[in-house]
Amino acid sequence: MTSESEASPPPASKRFARGLLETLAIIVIALLISTALKTWVVRAFYIPSESMMTTLQVDDRVLVNQLAHRFGPADRGDIIVFDDPDHWLSAAETAEYTPNPILEFIGLAPSDAGNQLIKRVIGVGGDTIKCCDAEGRLLVNGEPIDETYLDAGTAPSEVEFEVTVPEGHYWVMGDNRSNSADSRYHMDTDPYVAEDDVVGTVFLINWPFEHFSWVSTPDEVFADVPDTAEGITGN
């Protein structure tokens, strides 16, 4: 037979305390998971400028896969977030970023976004990139590419250049070529992005809702590009 003391429910104060402890445990576990995710797996960024239009719009929120670059280098065509390689951002641009401690804490905004950029990889280590052929197209290892992600009428580059990317680095450009201070405009300092400076690869536009879409690598653009520039002829 069950005694009266065993059958009685615990006092309300004990039930409240137990419920409070369970809630706190859930919050702590959720915060630990959130911290782990934003540290090693996925981070959120927002788009502050027009340099990647119209692929990415000003104030779009994107998610970045931080694991991708840990398992291998980025591919041509990937959109990457990277740490400022050599004062590409001016002091004024860096100062414009206003951190949101709450969003940073829960992982919806990065803690160092004011010192990072977002561009598209056009060349990887060993590639030779040249602007431009007779039709105005970029040449990668001697092969002209048709950049389907550029808006109609956008010139691949209004600046002529020819570079060979050092191993372990990338040549990057914005999709809004006439309004992007990318690798082309840092030739006198350091125009290349080191693999170690890459935060991750953009894979999703998650806000605003009407822009919600997956971001994939346009493999078809670079499908005919040879692996190296060795043996190419002038164009």
C-alpha atoms as a PDB file:
ATOM      1  CA  MET A   1       0.000   0.000   0.000  1.00  0.00           C
ATOM      2  CA  THR A   2       1.254   3.496  -0.886  1.00  0.00           C
ATOM      3  CA  SER A   3       1.637   5.821   2.049  1.00  0.00           C
ATOM      4  CA  GLU A   4      -0.049   9.209   2.126  1.00  0.00           C
ATOM      5  CA  SER A   5       3.327  10.978   1.962  1.00  0.00           C
ATOM      6  CA  GLU A   6       4.335   9.008  -1.137  1.00  0.00           C
ATOM      7  CA  ALA A   7       1.043   9.732  -2.907  1.00  0.00           C
ATOM      8  CA  SER A   8       1.120  13.460  -2.265  1.00  0.00           C
ATOM      9  CA  PRO A   9       2.492  15.608  -5.097  1.00  0.00           C
ATOM     10  CA  PRO A  10       5.590  17.689  -4.341  1.00  0.00           C
ATOM     11  CA  PRO A  11       4.943  21.171  -3.025  1.00  0.00           C
ATOM     12  CA  ALA A  12       4.361  23.905  -5.605  1.00  0.00           C
ATOM     13  CA  SER A  13       7.662  25.546  -4.725  1.00  0.00           C
ATOM     14  CA  LYS A  14       9.563  22.359  -5.543  1.00  0.00           C
ATOM     15  CA  ARG A  15       7.691  21.899  -8.828  1.00  0.00           C
ATOM     16  CA  PHE A  16       8.472  25.493  -9.763  1.00  0.00           C
ATOM     17  CA  ALA A  17      12.156  25.081  -8.892  1.00  0.00           C
ATOM     18  CA  ARG A  18      12.404  21.861 -10.870  1.00  0.00           C
ATOM     19  CA  GLY A  19      10.683  23.440 -13.873  1.00  0.00           C
ATOM     20  CA  LEU A  20      12.972  26.463 -13.665  1.00  0.00           C
ATOM     21  CA  LEU A  21      16.079  24.256 -13.594  1.00  0.00           C
ATOM     22  CA  GLU A  22      14.857  22.258 -16.586  1.00  0.00           C
ATOM     23  CA  THR A  23      14.184  25.485 -18.524  1.00  0.00           C
ATOM     24  CA  LEU A  24      17.623  26.855 -17.677  1.00  0.00           C
ATOM     25  CA  ALA A  25      19.224  23.581 -18.767  1.00  0.00           C
ATOM     26  CA  ILE A  26      17.417  23.772 -22.117  1.00  0.00           C
ATOM     27  CA  ILE A  27      18.549  27.396 -22.605  1.00  0.00           C
ATOM     28  CA  VAL A  28      22.154  26.544 -21.756  1.00  0.00           C
ATOM     29  CA  ILE A  29      22.165  23.576 -24.146  1.00  0.00           C
ATOM     30  CA  ALA A  30      20.601  25.701 -26.911  1.00  0.00           C
ATOM     31  CA  LEU A  31      23.217  28.425 -26.407  1.00  0.00           C
ATOM     32  CA  LEU A  32      26.033  25.870 -26.487  1.00  0.00           C
ATOM     33  CA  ILE A  33      24.680  24.390 -29.726  1.00  0.00           C
ATOM     34  CA  SER A  34      24.238  27.869 -31.219  1.00  0.00           C
ATOM     35  CA  THR A  35      27.781  28.839 -30.238  1.00  0.00           C
ATOM     36  CA  ALA A  36      29.211  25.652 -31.726  1.00  0.00           C
ATOM     37  CA  LEU A  37      27.290  26.140 -34.965  1.00  0.00           C
ATOM     38  CA  LYS A  38      28.325  29.764 -35.464  1.00  0.00           C
ATOM     39  CA  THR A  39      31.933  28.993 -34.508  1.00  0.00           C
ATOM     40  CA  TRP A  40      32.534  25.989 -36.752  1.00  0.00           C
ATOM     41  CA  VAL A  41      29.598  25.359 -39.112  1.00  0.00           C
ATOM     42  CA  VAL A  42      27.311  28.204 -40.216  1.00  0.00           C
ATOM     43  CA  ARG A  43      27.440  31.957 -39.763  1.00  0.00           C
ATOM     44  CA  ALA A  44      25.130  34.741 -40.851  1.00  0.00           C
ATOM     45  CA  PHE A  45      26.219  37.867 -42.707  1.00  0.00           C
ATOM     46  CA  TYR A  46      24.468  40.833 -44.220  1.00  0.00           C
ATOM     47  CA  ILE A  47      25.273  42.556 -47.519  1.00  0.00           C
ATOM     48  CA  PRO A  48      26.287  46.194 -46.886  1.00  0.00           C
ATOM     49  CA  SER A  49      27.032  47.397 -50.426  1.00  0.00           C
ATOM     50  CA  GLU A  50      26.049  47.079 -54.098  1.00  0.00           C
ATOM     51  CA  SER A  51      29.241  45.279 -55.136  1.00  0.00           C
ATOM     52  CA  MET A  52      27.535  41.893 -55.630  1.00  0.00           C
ATOM     53  CA  MET A  53      24.326  43.109 -57.256  1.00  0.00           C
ATOM     54  CA  THR A  54      22.124  41.808 -58.504  1.00  0.00           C
ATOM     55  CA  THR A  55      23.113  38.364 -57.261  1.00  0.00           C
ATOM     56  CA  LEU A  56      23.071  39.745 -53.713  1.00  0.00           C
ATOM     57  CA  GLN A  57      21.104  42.868 -52.809  1.00  0.00           C
ATOM     58  CA  VAL A  58      21.964  45.489 -50.218  1.00  0.00           C
ATOM     59  CA  ASP A  59      20.750  44.348 -46.770  1.00  0.00           C
ATOM     60  CA  ASP A  60      20.286  40.731 -47.862  1.00  0.00           C
ATOM     61  CA  ARG A  61      21.105  38.249 -45.104  1.00  0.00           C
ATOM     62  CA  VAL A  62      23.141  35.245 -46.200  1.00  0.00           C
ATOM     63  CA  LEU A  63      24.320  32.048 -44.545  1.00  0.00           C
ATOM     64  CA  VAL A  64      27.918  30.959 -44.944  1.00  0.00           C
ATOM     65  CA  ASN A  65      29.204  27.386 -44.807  1.00  0.00           C
ATOM     66  CA  GLN A  66      32.362  27.537 -42.693  1.00  0.00           C
ATOM     67  CA  LEU A  67      33.148  23.842 -43.111  1.00  0.00           C
ATOM     68  CA  ALA A  68      33.621  24.008 -46.887  1.00  0.00           C
ATOM     69  CA  HIS A  69      37.065  25.609 -46.853  1.00  0.00           C
ATOM     70  CA  ARG A  70      38.248  23.266 -44.078  1.00  0.00           C
ATOM     71  CA  PHE A  71      37.909  20.323 -46.471  1.00  0.00           C
ATOM     72  CA  GLY A  72      39.435  21.951 -49.524  1.00  0.00           C
ATOM     73  CA  PRO A  73      39.931  25.216 -51.397  1.00  0.00           C
ATOM     74  CA  ALA A  74      37.094  27.200 -52.917  1.00  0.00           C
ATOM     75  CA  ASP A  75      36.132  26.596 -56.540  1.00  0.00           C
ATOM     76  CA  ARG A  76      36.034  29.118 -59.337  1.00  0.00           C
ATOM     77  CA  GLY A  77      32.610  30.748 -59.195  1.00  0.00           C
ATOM     78  CA  ASP A  78      32.082  30.345 -55.446  1.00  0.00           C
ATOM     79  CA  ILE A  79      30.963  33.412 -53.500  1.00  0.00           C
ATOM     80  CA  ILE A  80      33.160  33.663 -50.426  1.00  0.00           C
ATOM     81  CA  VAL A  81      33.328  35.774 -47.283  1.00  0.00           C
ATOM     82  CA  PHE A  82      36.885  36.624 -46.265  1.00  0.00           C
ATOM     83  CA  ASP A  83      38.834  38.758 -43.826  1.00  0.00           C
ATOM     84  CA  ASP A  84      40.167  42.010 -45.261  1.00  0.00           C
ATOM     85  CA  PRO A  85      43.489  40.866 -46.794  1.00  0.00           C
ATOM     86  CA  ASP A  86      45.363  44.164 -46.853  1.00  0.00           C
ATOM     87  CA  HIS A  87      43.343  47.236 -45.879  1.00  0.00           C
ATOM     88  CA  TRP A  88      40.908  46.879 -48.781  1.00  0.00           C
ATOM     89  CA  LEU A  89      38.354  48.497 -46.479  1.00  0.00           C
ATOM     90  CA  SER A  90      38.978  52.080 -45.469  1.00  0.00           C
ATOM     91  CA  ALA A  91      38.762  53.184 -41.847  1.00  0.00           C
ATOM     92  CA  ALA A  92      35.534  55.019 -42.708  1.00  0.00           C
ATOM     93  CA  GLU A  93      33.967  51.869 -44.187  1.00  0.00           C
ATOM     94  CA  THR A  94      34.943  49.801 -41.172  1.00  0.00           C
ATOM     95  CA  ALA A  95      33.533  52.439 -38.830  1.00  0.00           C
ATOM     96  CA  GLU A  96      30.166  52.360 -40.639  1.00  0.00           C
ATOM     97  CA  TYR A  97      29.418  48.901 -39.264  1.00  0.00           C
ATOM     98  CA  THR A  98      27.245  49.053 -36.159  1.00  0.00           C
ATOM     99  CA  PRO A  99      27.408  45.804 -34.180  1.00  0.00           C
ATOM    100  CA  ASN A 100      24.307  44.273 -32.633  1.00  0.00           C
ATOM    101  CA  PRO A 101      25.459  42.421 -29.479  1.00  0.00           C
ATOM    102  CA  ILE A 102      22.240  40.439 -29.168  1.00  0.00           C
ATOM    103  CA  LEU A 103      22.307  39.168 -32.768  1.00  0.00           C
ATOM    104  CA  GLU A 104      26.017  38.455 -32.464  1.00  0.00           C
ATOM    105  CA  PHE A 105      25.512  36.464 -29.260  1.00  0.00           C
ATOM    106  CA  ILE A 106      22.846  34.193 -30.736  1.00  0.00           C
ATOM    107  CA  GLY A 107      24.739  33.768 -33.990  1.00  0.00           C
ATOM    108  CA  LEU A 108      22.540  35.783 -36.373  1.00  0.00           C
ATOM    109  CA  ALA A 109      25.307  38.307 -37.001  1.00  0.00           C
ATOM    110  CA  PRO A 110      29.087  37.900 -36.963  1.00  0.00           C
ATOM    111  CA  SER A 111      31.141  39.666 -34.318  1.00  0.00           C
ATOM    112  CA  ASP A 112      33.726  40.883 -36.842  1.00  0.00           C
ATOM    113  CA  ALA A 113      31.574  41.704 -39.882  1.00  0.00           C
ATOM    114  CA  GLY A 114      32.996  45.212 -40.126  1.00  0.00           C
ATOM    115  CA  ASN A 115      36.336  43.776 -41.259  1.00  0.00           C
ATOM    116  CA  GLN A 116      35.129  41.247 -43.840  1.00  0.00           C
ATOM    117  CA  LEU A 117      34.191  41.307 -47.515  1.00  0.00           C
ATOM    118  CA  ILE A 118      32.187  39.179 -49.927  1.00  0.00           C
ATOM    119  CA  LYS A 119      33.193  38.531 -53.557  1.00  0.00           C
ATOM    120  CA  ARG A 120      33.171  35.832 -56.227  1.00  0.00           C
ATOM    121  CA  VAL A 121      36.203  33.637 -56.883  1.00  0.00           C
ATOM    122  CA  ILE A 122      37.321  34.050 -60.508  1.00  0.00           C
ATOM    123  CA  GLY A 123      40.771  32.476 -60.269  1.00  0.00           C
ATOM    124  CA  VAL A 124      42.438  29.972 -57.942  1.00  0.00           C
ATOM    125  CA  GLY A 125      46.121  29.321 -57.296  1.00  0.00           C
ATOM    126  CA  GLY A 126      48.071  28.900 -60.557  1.00  0.00           C
ATOM    127  CA  ASP A 127      45.386  30.477 -62.769  1.00  0.00           C
ATOM    128  CA  THR A 128      46.192  33.258 -65.195  1.00  0.00           C
ATOM    129  CA  ILE A 129      43.345  35.763 -65.608  1.00  0.00           C
ATOM    130  CA  LYS A 130      43.311  38.384 -68.328  1.00  0.00           C
ATOM    131  CA  CYS A 131      40.991  41.146 -69.413  1.00  0.00           C
ATOM    132  CA  CYS A 132      39.850  40.786 -72.049  1.00  0.00           C
ATOM    133  CA  ASP A 133      39.401  39.058 -75.407  1.00  0.00           C
ATOM    134  CA  ALA A 134      38.055  40.721 -78.564  1.00  0.00           C
ATOM    135  CA  GLU A 135      34.493  40.116 -77.359  1.00  0.00           C
ATOM    136  CA  GLY A 136      35.163  41.708 -73.967  1.00  0.00           C
ATOM    137  CA  ARG A 137      35.189  38.427 -72.020  1.00  0.00           C
ATOM    138  CA  LEU A 138      37.576  37.504 -69.231  1.00  0.00           C
ATOM    139  CA  LEU A 139      40.120  34.827 -70.058  1.00  0.00           C
ATOM    140  CA  VAL A 140      40.970  32.212 -67.433  1.00  0.00           C
ATOM    141  CA  ASN A 141      43.989  30.112 -68.438  1.00  0.00           C
ATOM    142  CA  GLY A 142      43.406  31.279 -71.993  1.00  0.00           C
ATOM    143  CA  GLU A 143      39.754  30.196 -72.068  1.00  0.00           C
ATOM    144  CA  PRO A 144      37.071  32.917 -72.428  1.00  0.00           C
ATOM    145  CA  ILE A 145      34.226  32.628 -69.948  1.00  0.00           C
ATOM    146  CA  ASP A 146      30.614  33.741 -70.339  1.00  0.00           C
ATOM    147  CA  GLU A 147      29.642  35.021 -66.897  1.00  0.00           C
ATOM    148  CA  THR A 148      25.939  34.252 -66.680  1.00  0.00           C
ATOM    149  CA  TYR A 149      25.685  35.803 -63.187  1.00  0.00           C
ATOM    150  CA  LEU A 150      26.419  39.299 -64.517  1.00  0.00           C
ATOM    151  CA  ASP A 151      23.469  41.539 -65.378  1.00  0.00           C
ATOM    152  CA  ALA A 152      22.801  42.050 -69.067  1.00  0.00           C
ATOM    153  CA  GLY A 153      24.988  44.847 -70.409  1.00  0.00           C
ATOM    154  CA  THR A 154      27.527  44.605 -67.566  1.00  0.00           C
ATOM    155  CA  ALA A 155      31.099  44.628 -68.880  1.00  0.00           C
ATOM    156  CA  PRO A 156      33.226  41.863 -67.313  1.00  0.00           C
ATOM    157  CA  SER A 157      35.831  44.530 -66.588  1.00  0.00           C
ATOM    158  CA  GLU A 158      36.489  48.109 -67.639  1.00  0.00           C
ATOM    159  CA  VAL A 159      40.031  47.749 -66.299  1.00  0.00           C
ATOM    160  CA  GLU A 160      42.596  45.813 -68.332  1.00  0.00           C
ATOM    161  CA  PHE A 161      44.839  43.441 -66.411  1.00  0.00           C
ATOM    162  CA  GLU A 162      46.711  40.159 -66.608  1.00  0.00           C
ATOM    163  CA  VAL A 163      47.731  38.301 -63.451  1.00  0.00           C
ATOM    164  CA  THR A 164      48.811  34.863 -62.325  1.00  0.00           C
ATOM    165  CA  VAL A 165      47.357  33.881 -58.966  1.00  0.00           C
ATOM    166  CA  PRO A 166      49.880  32.609 -56.391  1.00  0.00           C
ATOM    167  CA  GLU A 167      49.291  29.144 -54.970  1.00  0.00           C
ATOM    168  CA  GLY A 168      47.094  29.198 -51.888  1.00  0.00           C
ATOM    169  CA  HIS A 169      45.326  32.387 -52.996  1.00  0.00           C
ATOM    170  CA  TYR A 170      42.313  33.599 -54.968  1.00  0.00           C
ATOM    171  CA  TRP A 171      41.556  36.376 -57.419  1.00  0.00           C
ATOM    172  CA  VAL A 172      38.092  37.726 -56.547  1.00  0.00           C
ATOM    173  CA  MET A 173      35.657  40.108 -58.240  1.00  0.00           C
ATOM    174  CA  GLY A 174      32.237  41.513 -57.446  1.00  0.00           C
ATOM    175  CA  ASP A 175      29.319  40.800 -59.785  1.00  0.00           C
ATOM    176  CA  ASN A 176      28.619  44.531 -60.057  1.00  0.00           C
ATOM    177  CA  ARG A 177      31.883  45.090 -61.902  1.00  0.00           C
ATOM    178  CA  SER A 178      31.640  48.863 -62.260  1.00  0.00           C
ATOM    179  CA  ASN A 179      30.971  49.268 -58.524  1.00  0.00           C
ATOM    180  CA  SER A 180      33.234  46.761 -56.828  1.00  0.00           C
ATOM    181  CA  ALA A 181      36.621  47.570 -55.297  1.00  0.00           C
ATOM    182  CA  ASP A 182      37.860  44.016 -55.759  1.00  0.00           C
ATOM    183  CA  SER A 183      41.213  42.434 -56.662  1.00  0.00           C
ATOM    184  CA  ARG A 184      41.589  44.691 -59.720  1.00  0.00           C
ATOM    185  CA  TYR A 185      41.872  47.800 -57.562  1.00  0.00           C
ATOM    186  CA  HIS A 186      44.571  46.553 -55.200  1.00  0.00           C
ATOM    187  CA  MET A 187      47.273  45.683 -57.706  1.00  0.00           C
ATOM    188  CA  ASP A 188      49.691  48.095 -56.052  1.00  0.00           C
ATOM    189  CA  THR A 189      49.404  46.361 -52.652  1.00  0.00           C
ATOM    190  CA  ASP A 190      48.024  42.816 -52.457  1.00  0.00           C
ATOM    191  CA  PRO A 191      45.203  41.876 -54.841  1.00  0.00           C
ATOM    192  CA  TYR A 192      44.944  38.249 -53.734  1.00  0.00           C
ATOM    193  CA  VAL A 193      42.923  36.614 -50.968  1.00  0.00           C
ATOM    194  CA  ALA A 194      44.784  33.943 -49.005  1.00  0.00           C
ATOM    195  CA  GLU A 195      42.973  30.664 -48.404  1.00  0.00           C
ATOM    196  CA  ASP A 196      43.596  31.133 -44.685  1.00  0.00           C
ATOM    197  CA  ASP A 197      41.620  34.399 -44.752  1.00  0.00           C
ATOM    198  CA  VAL A 198      38.453  32.734 -46.060  1.00  0.00           C
ATOM    199  CA  VAL A 199      35.612  32.511 -43.536  1.00  0.00           C
ATOM    200  CA  GLY A 200      33.329  30.391 -45.688  1.00  0.00           C
ATOM    201  CA  THR A 201      31.211  29.962 -48.811  1.00  0.00           C
ATOM    202  CA  VAL A 202      27.777  31.548 -49.240  1.00  0.00           C
ATOM    203  CA  PHE A 203      25.070  28.928 -49.766  1.00  0.00           C
ATOM    204  CA  LEU A 204      21.762  30.609 -48.878  1.00  0.00           C
ATOM    205  CA  ILE A 205      20.007  33.970 -48.979  1.00  0.00           C
ATOM    206  CA  ASN A 206      17.710  33.699 -45.975  1.00  0.00           C
ATOM    207  CA  TRP A 207      16.340  37.243 -45.629  1.00  0.00           C
ATOM    208  CA  PRO A 208      14.298  39.112 -46.737  1.00  0.00           C
ATOM    209  CA  PHE A 209      11.853  36.326 -47.416  1.00  0.00           C
ATOM    210  CA  GLU A 210      11.166  37.403 -51.015  1.00  0.00           C
ATOM    211  CA  HIS A 211      14.878  36.901 -51.788  1.00  0.00           C
ATOM    212  CA  PHE A 212      15.033  33.480 -50.121  1.00  0.00           C
ATOM    213  CA  SER A 213      17.047  31.173 -52.408  1.00  0.00           C
ATOM    214  CA  TRP A 214      19.948  28.758 -52.533  1.00  0.00           C
ATOM    215  CA  VAL A 215      23.241  30.105 -53.845  1.00  0.00           C
ATOM    216  CA  SER A 216      25.041  27.582 -56.030  1.00  0.00           C
ATOM    217  CA  THR A 217      28.340  27.622 -57.915  1.00  0.00           C
ATOM    218  CA  PRO A 218      27.867  28.308 -61.665  1.00  0.00           C
ATOM    219  CA  ASP A 219      29.997  25.351 -62.762  1.00  0.00           C
ATOM    220  CA  GLU A 220      28.986  25.765 -66.404  1.00  0.00           C
ATOM    221  CA  VAL A 221      30.773  29.135 -66.594  1.00  0.00           C
ATOM    222  CA  PHE A 222      34.172  27.560 -65.861  1.00  0.00           C
ATOM    223  CA  ALA A 223      33.550  24.089 -67.313  1.00  0.00           C
ATOM    224  CA  ASP A 224      35.968  24.543 -70.240  1.00  0.00           C
ATOM    225  CA  VAL A 225      38.720  26.276 -68.265  1.00  0.00           C
ATOM    226  CA  PRO A 226      41.908  24.160 -68.191  1.00  0.00           C
ATOM    227  CA  ASP A 227      43.341  23.351 -64.811  1.00  0.00           C
ATOM    228  CA  THR A 228      46.471  25.424 -65.316  1.00  0.00           C
ATOM    229  CA  ALA A 229      47.721  28.238 -67.499  1.00  0.00           C
ATOM    230  CA  GLU A 230      50.709  26.203 -68.657  1.00  0.00           C
ATOM    231  CA  GLY A 231      51.113  26.257 -72.415  1.00  0.00           C
ATOM    232  CA  ILE A 232      48.413  28.826 -73.172  1.00  0.00           C
ATOM    233  CA  THR A 233      48.950  31.224 -76.050  1.00  0.00           C
ATOM    234  CA  GLY A 234      48.237  34.926 -76.132  1.00  0.00           C
ATOM    235  CA  ASN A 235      44.733  36.120 -76.966  1.00  0.00           C
END
